[in-house]
Each structure stands twice: as structure tokens, then as C-alpha cells.
PDB file of all heavy atoms in Angstrom:
ATOM      1  N   ARG A   1     308.106 279.800-123.974  1.00  0.00           N
ATOM      2  CA  ARG A   1     307.740 278.509-123.440  1.00  0.00           C
ATOM      3  C   ARG A   1     306.535 278.526-122.498  1.00  0.00           C
ATOM      4  O   ARG A   1     306.501 279.382-121.605  1.00  0.00           O
ATOM      5  CB  ARG A   1     308.992 277.921-122.688  1.00  0.00           C
ATOM      6  CG  ARG A   1     310.283 277.936-123.512  1.00  0.00           C
ATOM      7  CD  ARG A   1     310.290 276.880-124.599  1.00  0.00           C
ATOM      8  NE  ARG A   1     310.130 275.579-124.094  1.00  0.00           N
ATOM      9  CZ  ARG A   1     310.117 274.414-124.950  1.00  0.00           C
ATOM     10  NH1 ARG A   1     310.161 274.603-126.199  1.00  0.00           N
ATOM     11  NH2 ARG A   1     310.100 273.193-124.349  1.00  0.00           N
ATOM     12  N   VAL A   2     305.622 277.603-122.711  1.00  0.00           N
ATOM     13  CA  VAL A   2     304.427 277.509-121.877  1.00  0.00           C
ATOM     14  C   VAL A   2     304.104 276.038-121.624  1.00  0.00           C
ATOM     15  O   VAL A   2     304.734 275.131-122.212  1.00  0.00           O
ATOM     16  CB  VAL A   2     303.197 278.209-122.457  1.00  0.00           C
ATOM     17  CG1 VAL A   2     303.431 279.705-122.595  1.00  0.00           C
ATOM     18  CG2 VAL A   2     302.741 277.516-123.739  1.00  0.00           C
ATOM     19  N   THR A   3     303.167 275.761-120.752  1.00  0.00           N
ATOM     20  CA  THR A   3     302.704 274.406-120.710  1.00  0.00           C
ATOM     21  C   THR A   3     301.372 274.282-121.451  1.00  0.00           C
ATOM     22  O   THR A   3     300.549 275.180-121.457  1.00  0.00           O
ATOM     23  CB  THR A   3     302.444 273.967-119.236  1.00  0.00           C
ATOM     24  OG1 THR A   3     301.616 274.857-118.597  1.00  0.00           O
ATOM     25  CG2 THR A   3     303.689 273.807-118.478  1.00  0.00           C
ATOM     26  N   ASP A   4     301.215 273.171-122.166  1.00  0.00           N
ATOM     27  CA  ASP A   4     300.049 272.922-123.026  1.00  0.00           C
ATOM     28  C   ASP A   4     298.868 272.439-122.136  1.00  0.00           C
ATOM     29  O   ASP A   4     299.157 272.293-120.892  1.00  0.00           O
ATOM     30  CB  ASP A   4     300.417 271.973-124.140  1.00  0.00           C
ATOM     31  CG  ASP A   4     300.673 270.559-123.683  1.00  0.00           C
ATOM     32  OD1 ASP A   4     300.401 270.194-122.472  1.00  0.00           O
ATOM     33  OD2 ASP A   4     301.084 269.674-124.527  1.00  0.00           O
ATOM     34  N   PRO A   5     297.722 272.181-122.671  1.00  0.00           N
ATOM     35  CA  PRO A   5     296.618 271.761-121.835  1.00  0.00           C
ATOM     36  C   PRO A   5     296.772 270.467-121.114  1.00  0.00           C
ATOM     37  O   PRO A   5     296.251 270.192-120.047  1.00  0.00           O
ATOM     38  CB  PRO A   5     295.455 271.543-122.888  1.00  0.00           C
ATOM     39  CG  PRO A   5     295.805 272.604-123.953  1.00  0.00           C
ATOM     40  CD  PRO A   5     297.212 272.459-124.082  1.00  0.00           C
ATOM     41  N   GLY A   6     297.776 269.693-121.529  1.00  0.00           N
ATOM     42  CA  GLY A   6     298.124 268.398-120.794  1.00  0.00           C
ATOM     43  C   GLY A   6     299.200 268.575-119.756  1.00  0.00           C
ATOM     44  O   GLY A   6     299.527 267.651-119.088  1.00  0.00           O
ATOM     45  N   GLY A   7     299.751 269.801-119.674  1.00  0.00           N
ATOM     46  CA  GLY A   7     300.779 270.063-118.682  1.00  0.00           C
ATOM     47  C   GLY A   7     302.141 269.877-119.086  1.00  0.00           C
ATOM     48  O   GLY A   7     303.166 270.093-118.366  1.00  0.00           O
ATOM     49  N   THR A   8     302.368 269.668-120.395  1.00  0.00           N
ATOM     50  CA  THR A   8     303.743 269.434-121.024  1.00  0.00           C
ATOM     51  C   THR A   8     304.334 270.930-121.439  1.00  0.00           C
ATOM     52  O   THR A   8     303.568 271.578-122.194  1.00  0.00           O
ATOM     53  CB  THR A   8     303.666 268.443-122.152  1.00  0.00           C
ATOM     54  OG1 THR A   8     303.123 267.219-121.681  1.00  0.00           O
ATOM     55  CG2 THR A   8     305.081 268.230-122.730  1.00  0.00           C
ATOM     56  N   GLU A   9     305.522 271.052-121.135  1.00  0.00           N
ATOM     57  CA  GLU A   9     306.170 272.379-121.626  1.00  0.00           C
ATOM     58  C   GLU A   9     306.394 272.194-123.075  1.00  0.00           C
ATOM     59  O   GLU A   9     306.914 271.244-123.670  1.00  0.00           O
ATOM     60  CB  GLU A   9     307.423 272.589-120.936  1.00  0.00           C
ATOM     61  CG  GLU A   9     308.046 273.937-121.213  1.00  0.00           C
ATOM     62  CD  GLU A   9     309.300 274.334-120.374  1.00  0.00           C
ATOM     63  OE1 GLU A   9     309.157 274.471-119.288  1.00  0.00           O
ATOM     64  OE2 GLU A   9     310.329 274.449-120.995  1.00  0.00           O
ATOM     65  N   VAL A  10     305.983 273.324-123.818  1.00  0.00           N
ATOM     66  CA  VAL A  10     306.061 273.334-125.280  1.00  0.00           C
ATOM     67  C   VAL A  10     306.495 274.720-125.715  1.00  0.00           C
ATOM     68  O   VAL A  10     306.525 275.683-124.981  1.00  0.00           O
ATOM     69  CB  VAL A  10     304.696 272.965-125.913  1.00  0.00           C
ATOM     70  CG1 VAL A  10     304.198 271.608-125.678  1.00  0.00           C
ATOM     71  CG2 VAL A  10     303.616 274.011-125.503  1.00  0.00           C
ATOM     72  N   ASP A  11     306.954 274.780-126.998  1.00  0.00           N
ATOM     73  CA  ASP A  11     307.219 276.058-127.730  1.00  0.00           C
ATOM     74  C   ASP A  11     305.940 276.631-128.095  1.00  0.00           C
ATOM     75  O   ASP A  11     305.137 276.025-128.760  1.00  0.00           O
ATOM     76  CB  ASP A  11     308.094 275.737-128.979  1.00  0.00           C
ATOM     77  CG  ASP A  11     308.341 277.086-129.717  1.00  0.00           C
ATOM     78  OD1 ASP A  11     307.435 277.309-130.556  1.00  0.00           O
ATOM     79  OD2 ASP A  11     309.392 277.752-129.488  1.00  0.00           O
ATOM     80  N   LEU A  12     305.546 277.832-127.528  1.00  0.00           N
ATOM     81  CA  LEU A  12     304.240 278.350-127.763  1.00  0.00           C
ATOM     82  C   LEU A  12     303.960 278.597-129.271  1.00  0.00           C
ATOM     83  O   LEU A  12     302.847 278.311-129.786  1.00  0.00           O
ATOM     84  CB  LEU A  12     304.025 279.668-127.028  1.00  0.00           C
ATOM     85  CG  LEU A  12     302.713 280.342-127.294  1.00  0.00           C
ATOM     86  CD1 LEU A  12     301.557 279.483-126.829  1.00  0.00           C
ATOM     87  CD2 LEU A  12     302.581 281.730-126.589  1.00  0.00           C
ATOM     88  N   LEU A  13     304.905 279.186-130.031  1.00  0.00           N
ATOM     89  CA  LEU A  13     304.656 279.473-131.392  1.00  0.00           C
ATOM     90  C   LEU A  13     304.370 278.212-132.131  1.00  0.00           C
ATOM     91  O   LEU A  13     303.360 278.171-132.912  1.00  0.00           O
ATOM     92  CB  LEU A  13     305.848 280.189-131.967  1.00  0.00           C
ATOM     93  CG  LEU A  13     305.746 280.627-133.451  1.00  0.00           C
ATOM     94  CD1 LEU A  13     304.525 281.467-133.621  1.00  0.00           C
ATOM     95  CD2 LEU A  13     307.035 281.231-133.986  1.00  0.00           C
ATOM     96  N   ALA A  14     305.148 277.166-131.949  1.00  0.00           N
ATOM     97  CA  ALA A  14     304.834 275.948-132.643  1.00  0.00           C
ATOM     98  C   ALA A  14     303.486 275.303-132.223  1.00  0.00           C
ATOM     99  O   ALA A  14     302.643 274.897-133.058  1.00  0.00           O
ATOM    100  CB  ALA A  14     305.934 274.867-132.325  1.00  0.00           C
ATOM    101  N   HIS A  15     303.208 275.483-130.993  1.00  0.00           N
ATOM    102  CA  HIS A  15     301.922 274.924-130.461  1.00  0.00           C
ATOM    103  C   HIS A  15     300.767 275.772-130.993  1.00  0.00           C
ATOM    104  O   HIS A  15     299.684 275.184-131.516  1.00  0.00           O
ATOM    105  CB  HIS A  15     301.841 275.040-128.997  1.00  0.00           C
ATOM    106  CG  HIS A  15     300.539 274.550-128.322  1.00  0.00           C
ATOM    107  ND1 HIS A  15     300.208 273.326-128.144  1.00  0.00           N
ATOM    108  CD2 HIS A  15     299.486 275.336-127.906  1.00  0.00           C
ATOM    109  CE1 HIS A  15     299.009 273.266-127.584  1.00  0.00           C
ATOM    110  NE2 HIS A  15     298.500 274.358-127.528  1.00  0.00           N
ATOM    111  N   ALA A  16     300.963 277.076-131.084  1.00  0.00           N
ATOM    112  CA  ALA A  16     299.822 277.953-131.646  1.00  0.00           C
ATOM    113  C   ALA A  16     299.670 277.682-133.141  1.00  0.00           C
ATOM    114  O   ALA A  16     298.431 277.689-133.633  1.00  0.00           O
ATOM    115  CB  ALA A  16     300.162 279.378-131.399  1.00  0.00           C
ATOM    116  N   LEU A  17     300.682 277.401-133.887  1.00  0.00           N
ATOM    117  CA  LEU A  17     300.591 277.163-135.287  1.00  0.00           C
ATOM    118  C   LEU A  17     299.811 275.751-135.495  1.00  0.00           C
ATOM    119  O   LEU A  17     299.038 275.655-136.497  1.00  0.00           O
ATOM    120  CB  LEU A  17     301.931 277.138-135.998  1.00  0.00           C
ATOM    121  CG  LEU A  17     302.661 278.504-136.025  1.00  0.00           C
ATOM    122  CD1 LEU A  17     303.966 278.362-136.640  1.00  0.00           C
ATOM    123  CD2 LEU A  17     301.816 279.601-136.725  1.00  0.00           C
ATOM    124  N   ALA A  18     300.154 274.757-134.684  1.00  0.00           N
ATOM    125  CA  ALA A  18     299.586 273.474-134.876  1.00  0.00           C
ATOM    126  C   ALA A  18     298.164 273.479-134.415  1.00  0.00           C
ATOM    127  O   ALA A  18     297.404 272.619-134.837  1.00  0.00           O
ATOM    128  CB  ALA A  18     300.389 272.499-134.029  1.00  0.00           C
ATOM    129  N   HIS A  19     297.703 274.391-133.612  1.00  0.00           N
ATOM    130  CA  HIS A  19     296.313 274.398-133.044  1.00  0.00           C
ATOM    131  C   HIS A  19     295.623 275.680-133.349  1.00  0.00           C
ATOM    132  O   HIS A  19     294.757 276.117-132.546  1.00  0.00           O
ATOM    133  CB  HIS A  19     296.391 274.159-131.533  1.00  0.00           C
ATOM    134  CG  HIS A  19     296.997 272.898-131.181  1.00  0.00           C
ATOM    135  ND1 HIS A  19     296.301 271.607-131.122  1.00  0.00           N
ATOM    136  CD2 HIS A  19     298.343 272.559-130.758  1.00  0.00           C
ATOM    137  CE1 HIS A  19     297.129 270.659-130.835  1.00  0.00           C
ATOM    138  NE2 HIS A  19     298.323 271.138-130.591  1.00  0.00           N
ATOM    139  N   ARG A  20     295.886 276.258-134.517  1.00  0.00           N
ATOM    140  CA  ARG A  20     295.328 277.522-134.843  1.00  0.00           C
ATOM    141  C   ARG A  20     293.824 277.652-134.826  1.00  0.00           C
ATOM    142  O   ARG A  20     293.205 278.573-134.318  1.00  0.00           O
ATOM    143  CB  ARG A  20     295.734 277.953-136.312  1.00  0.00           C
ATOM    144  CG  ARG A  20     295.070 279.151-136.922  1.00  0.00           C
ATOM    145  CD  ARG A  20     295.721 279.633-138.134  1.00  0.00           C
ATOM    146  NE  ARG A  20     295.776 278.578-139.179  1.00  0.00           N
ATOM    147  CZ  ARG A  20     294.742 278.433-140.111  1.00  0.00           C
ATOM    148  NH1 ARG A  20     293.736 279.185-140.026  1.00  0.00           N
ATOM    149  NH2 ARG A  20     294.819 277.485-141.009  1.00  0.00           N
ATOM    150  N   ASP A  21     293.143 276.512-135.261  1.00  0.00           N
ATOM    151  CA  ASP A  21     291.661 276.524-135.220  1.00  0.00           C
ATOM    152  C   ASP A  21     291.042 276.436-133.803  1.00  0.00           C
ATOM    153  O   ASP A  21     289.841 276.527-133.650  1.00  0.00           O
ATOM    154  CB  ASP A  21     291.129 275.293-136.039  1.00  0.00           C
ATOM    155  CG  ASP A  21     291.258 275.630-137.561  1.00  0.00           C
ATOM    156  OD1 ASP A  21     291.470 276.707-137.915  1.00  0.00           O
ATOM    157  OD2 ASP A  21     291.204 274.633-138.326  1.00  0.00           O
ATOM    158  N   GLU A  22     291.939 276.212-132.720  1.00  0.00           N
ATOM    159  CA  GLU A  22     291.440 276.051-131.437  1.00  0.00           C
ATOM    160  C   GLU A  22     291.817 277.131-130.446  1.00  0.00           C
ATOM    161  O   GLU A  22     291.641 277.036-129.253  1.00  0.00           O
ATOM    162  CB  GLU A  22     291.834 274.715-130.894  1.00  0.00           C
ATOM    163  CG  GLU A  22     291.245 273.462-131.608  1.00  0.00           C
ATOM    164  CD  GLU A  22     289.717 273.415-131.608  1.00  0.00           C
ATOM    165  OE1 GLU A  22     289.158 273.819-130.571  1.00  0.00           O
ATOM    166  OE2 GLU A  22     289.148 273.002-132.608  1.00  0.00           O
ATOM    167  N   LEU A  23     292.477 278.172-131.047  1.00  0.00           N
ATOM    168  CA  LEU A  23     292.985 279.223-130.208  1.00  0.00           C
ATOM    169  C   LEU A  23     292.603 280.600-130.573  1.00  0.00           C
ATOM    170  O   LEU A  23     292.228 280.853-131.750  1.00  0.00           O
ATOM    171  CB  LEU A  23     294.568 279.132-130.249  1.00  0.00           C
ATOM    172  CG  LEU A  23     295.252 277.815-129.674  1.00  0.00           C
ATOM    173  CD1 LEU A  23     296.729 277.910-129.953  1.00  0.00           C
ATOM    174  CD2 LEU A  23     294.912 277.649-128.204  1.00  0.00           C
ATOM    175  N   ILE A  24     292.578 281.540-129.636  1.00  0.00           N
ATOM    176  CA  ILE A  24     292.162 282.881-129.860  1.00  0.00           C
ATOM    177  C   ILE A  24     293.263 283.774-129.049  1.00  0.00           C
ATOM    178  O   ILE A  24     293.574 283.553-127.912  1.00  0.00           O
ATOM    179  CB  ILE A  24     290.680 283.235-129.374  1.00  0.00           C
ATOM    180  CG1 ILE A  24     290.366 284.619-129.688  1.00  0.00           C
ATOM    181  CG2 ILE A  24     290.552 282.865-127.868  1.00  0.00           C
ATOM    182  CD1 ILE A  24     288.829 284.741-129.589  1.00  0.00           C
ATOM    183  N   LEU A  25     293.745 284.868-129.770  1.00  0.00           N
ATOM    184  CA  LEU A  25     294.669 285.722-129.173  1.00  0.00           C
ATOM    185  C   LEU A  25     293.961 287.034-128.668  1.00  0.00           C
ATOM    186  O   LEU A  25     293.207 287.613-129.405  1.00  0.00           O
ATOM    187  CB  LEU A  25     295.691 286.044-130.321  1.00  0.00           C
ATOM    188  CG  LEU A  25     296.776 287.073-129.978  1.00  0.00           C
ATOM    189  CD1 LEU A  25     297.832 286.511-128.961  1.00  0.00           C
ATOM    190  CD2 LEU A  25     297.583 287.454-131.215  1.00  0.00           C
ATOM    191  N   LYS A  26     294.317 287.397-127.472  1.00  0.00           N
ATOM    192  CA  LYS A  26     293.695 288.594-126.835  1.00  0.00           C
ATOM    193  C   LYS A  26     294.704 289.503-126.148  1.00  0.00           C
ATOM    194  O   LYS A  26     295.612 289.078-125.481  1.00  0.00           O
ATOM    195  CB  LYS A  26     292.679 288.138-125.771  1.00  0.00           C
ATOM    196  CG  LYS A  26     291.604 287.211-126.221  1.00  0.00           C
ATOM    197  CD  LYS A  26     290.599 286.777-125.113  1.00  0.00           C
ATOM    198  CE  LYS A  26     289.461 285.995-125.541  1.00  0.00           C
ATOM    199  NZ  LYS A  26     288.522 285.712-124.421  1.00  0.00           N
ATOM    200  N   PRO A  27     294.557 290.799-126.386  1.00  0.00           N
ATOM    201  CA  PRO A  27     295.400 291.716-125.562  1.00  0.00           C
ATOM    202  C   PRO A  27     294.816 291.785-124.156  1.00  0.00           C
ATOM    203  O   PRO A  27     293.685 291.579-123.885  1.00  0.00           O
ATOM    204  CB  PRO A  27     295.227 293.102-126.259  1.00  0.00           C
ATOM    205  CG  PRO A  27     293.853 292.916-126.936  1.00  0.00           C
ATOM    206  CD  PRO A  27     293.653 291.543-127.288  1.00  0.00           C
ATOM    207  N   THR A  28     295.759 292.029-123.241  1.00  0.00           N
ATOM    208  CA  THR A  28     295.353 291.962-121.870  1.00  0.00           C
ATOM    209  C   THR A  28     294.586 293.184-121.325  1.00  0.00           C
ATOM    210  O   THR A  28     293.770 293.123-120.453  1.00  0.00           O
ATOM    211  CB  THR A  28     296.602 291.864-120.884  1.00  0.00           C
ATOM    212  OG1 THR A  28     297.528 292.912-121.099  1.00  0.00           O
ATOM    213  CG2 THR A  28     297.386 290.587-121.202  1.00  0.00           C
ATOM    214  N   LEU A  29     294.820 294.364-121.886  1.00  0.00           N
ATOM    215  CA  LEU A  29     294.308 295.544-121.399  1.00  0.00           C
ATOM    216  C   LEU A  29     293.127 296.180-122.165  1.00  0.00           C
ATOM    217  O   LEU A  29     292.339 296.927-121.644  1.00  0.00           O
ATOM    218  CB  LEU A  29     295.385 296.642-121.345  1.00  0.00           C
ATOM    219  CG  LEU A  29     296.477 296.474-120.279  1.00  0.00           C
ATOM    220  CD1 LEU A  29     297.596 297.560-120.359  1.00  0.00           C
ATOM    221  CD2 LEU A  29     295.854 296.439-118.937  1.00  0.00           C
ATOM    222  N   LEU A  30     292.895 295.884-123.449  1.00  0.00           N
ATOM    223  CA  LEU A  30     291.842 296.402-124.203  1.00  0.00           C
ATOM    224  C   LEU A  30     290.545 295.775-123.893  1.00  0.00           C
ATOM    225  O   LEU A  30     290.511 294.617-123.302  1.00  0.00           O
ATOM    226  CB  LEU A  30     292.187 296.360-125.718  1.00  0.00           C
ATOM    227  CG  LEU A  30     293.428 296.996-126.198  1.00  0.00           C
ATOM    228  CD1 LEU A  30     293.531 296.937-127.678  1.00  0.00           C
ATOM    229  CD2 LEU A  30     293.470 298.496-125.736  1.00  0.00           C
ATOM    230  N   HIS A  31     289.413 296.422-124.358  1.00  0.00           N
ATOM    231  CA  HIS A  31     288.007 295.849-123.989  1.00  0.00           C
ATOM    232  C   HIS A  31     287.239 295.930-125.250  1.00  0.00           C
ATOM    233  O   HIS A  31     287.662 296.493-126.304  1.00  0.00           O
ATOM    234  CB  HIS A  31     287.507 296.699-122.849  1.00  0.00           C
ATOM    235  CG  HIS A  31     286.974 297.999-123.260  1.00  0.00           C
ATOM    236  ND1 HIS A  31     287.820 299.058-123.581  1.00  0.00           N
ATOM    237  CD2 HIS A  31     285.766 298.532-123.506  1.00  0.00           C
ATOM    238  CE1 HIS A  31     287.110 300.099-123.991  1.00  0.00           C
ATOM    239  NE2 HIS A  31     285.748 299.833-123.862  1.00  0.00           N
ATOM    240  N   GLY A  32     286.013 295.393-125.135  1.00  0.00           N
ATOM    241  CA  GLY A  32     285.035 295.419-126.205  1.00  0.00           C
ATOM    242  C   GLY A  32     285.443 294.699-127.443  1.00  0.00           C
ATOM    243  O   GLY A  32     285.040 295.005-128.549  1.00  0.00           O
ATOM    244  N   GLY A  33     286.246 293.683-127.299  1.00  0.00           N
ATOM    245  CA  GLY A  33     286.664 292.832-128.432  1.00  0.00           C
ATOM    246  C   GLY A  33     287.792 293.491-129.227  1.00  0.00           C
ATOM    247  O   GLY A  33     288.196 292.850-130.239  1.00  0.00           O
ATOM    248  N   ASN A  34     288.323 294.684-128.874  1.00  0.00           N
ATOM    249  CA  ASN A  34     289.337 295.281-129.546  1.00  0.00           C
ATOM    250  C   ASN A  34     290.708 294.472-129.509  1.00  0.00           C
ATOM    251  O   ASN A  34     291.124 294.025-128.462  1.00  0.00           O
ATOM    252  CB  ASN A  34     289.631 296.682-129.091  1.00  0.00           C
ATOM    253  CG  ASN A  34     288.452 297.621-129.268  1.00  0.00           C
ATOM    254  OD1 ASN A  34     287.894 297.595-130.392  1.00  0.00           O
ATOM    255  ND2 ASN A  34     288.147 298.381-128.289  1.00  0.00           N
ATOM    256  N   GLY A  35     291.324 294.280-130.654  1.00  0.00           N
ATOM    257  CA  GLY A  35     292.644 293.704-130.760  1.00  0.00           C
ATOM    258  C   GLY A  35     292.636 292.145-130.622  1.00  0.00           C
ATOM    259  O   GLY A  35     293.669 291.512-130.598  1.00  0.00           O
ATOM    260  N   ILE A  36     291.427 291.551-130.649  1.00  0.00           N
ATOM    261  CA  ILE A  36     291.304 290.121-130.489  1.00  0.00           C
ATOM    262  C   ILE A  36     291.493 289.410-131.902  1.00  0.00           C
ATOM    263  O   ILE A  36     290.937 289.972-132.943  1.00  0.00           O
ATOM    264  CB  ILE A  36     289.973 289.657-129.927  1.00  0.00           C
ATOM    265  CG1 ILE A  36     290.060 290.021-128.397  1.00  0.00           C
ATOM    266  CG2 ILE A  36     289.677 288.245-130.076  1.00  0.00           C
ATOM    267  CD1 ILE A  36     288.703 289.804-127.704  1.00  0.00           C
ATOM    268  N   THR A  37     292.261 288.328-131.993  1.00  0.00           N
ATOM    269  CA  THR A  37     292.325 287.610-133.238  1.00  0.00           C
ATOM    270  C   THR A  37     291.957 286.121-132.979  1.00  0.00           C
ATOM    271  O   THR A  37     292.630 285.503-132.141  1.00  0.00           O
ATOM    272  CB  THR A  37     293.797 287.703-133.787  1.00  0.00           C
ATOM    273  OG1 THR A  37     294.156 289.019-134.058  1.00  0.00           O
ATOM    274  CG2 THR A  37     293.889 286.826-135.126  1.00  0.00           C
ATOM    275  N   ALA A  38     290.915 285.668-133.647  1.00  0.00           N
ATOM    276  CA  ALA A  38     290.500 284.261-133.598  1.00  0.00           C
ATOM    277  C   ALA A  38     291.306 283.466-134.595  1.00  0.00           C
ATOM    278  O   ALA A  38     291.299 283.797-135.808  1.00  0.00           O
ATOM    279  CB  ALA A  38     289.030 284.026-133.804  1.00  0.00           C
TER     280      ALA A  38
END
């Protein structure tokens, strides 16, 4: 559960699926673009 850009609490998986073209997934610790999924 997270808040969306408008501040409304949402289910993250559902939000991510609905907005796939506008989101990028990043690992917190790696560098140099490793592990990133657009």
C-alpha cells in the first residue's frame, strides 16, 4: 500500500500495472543502471 501522485492510498501492484508506461523500477543499492526495469 502506497499513496499515488495525488495522495490517495492505493494498491501498489494494481497502480503499477495500470501505469506501466509511466513507471520505472529501481533497486535501492545497486549503481550504474544495474537492476533497473523501465
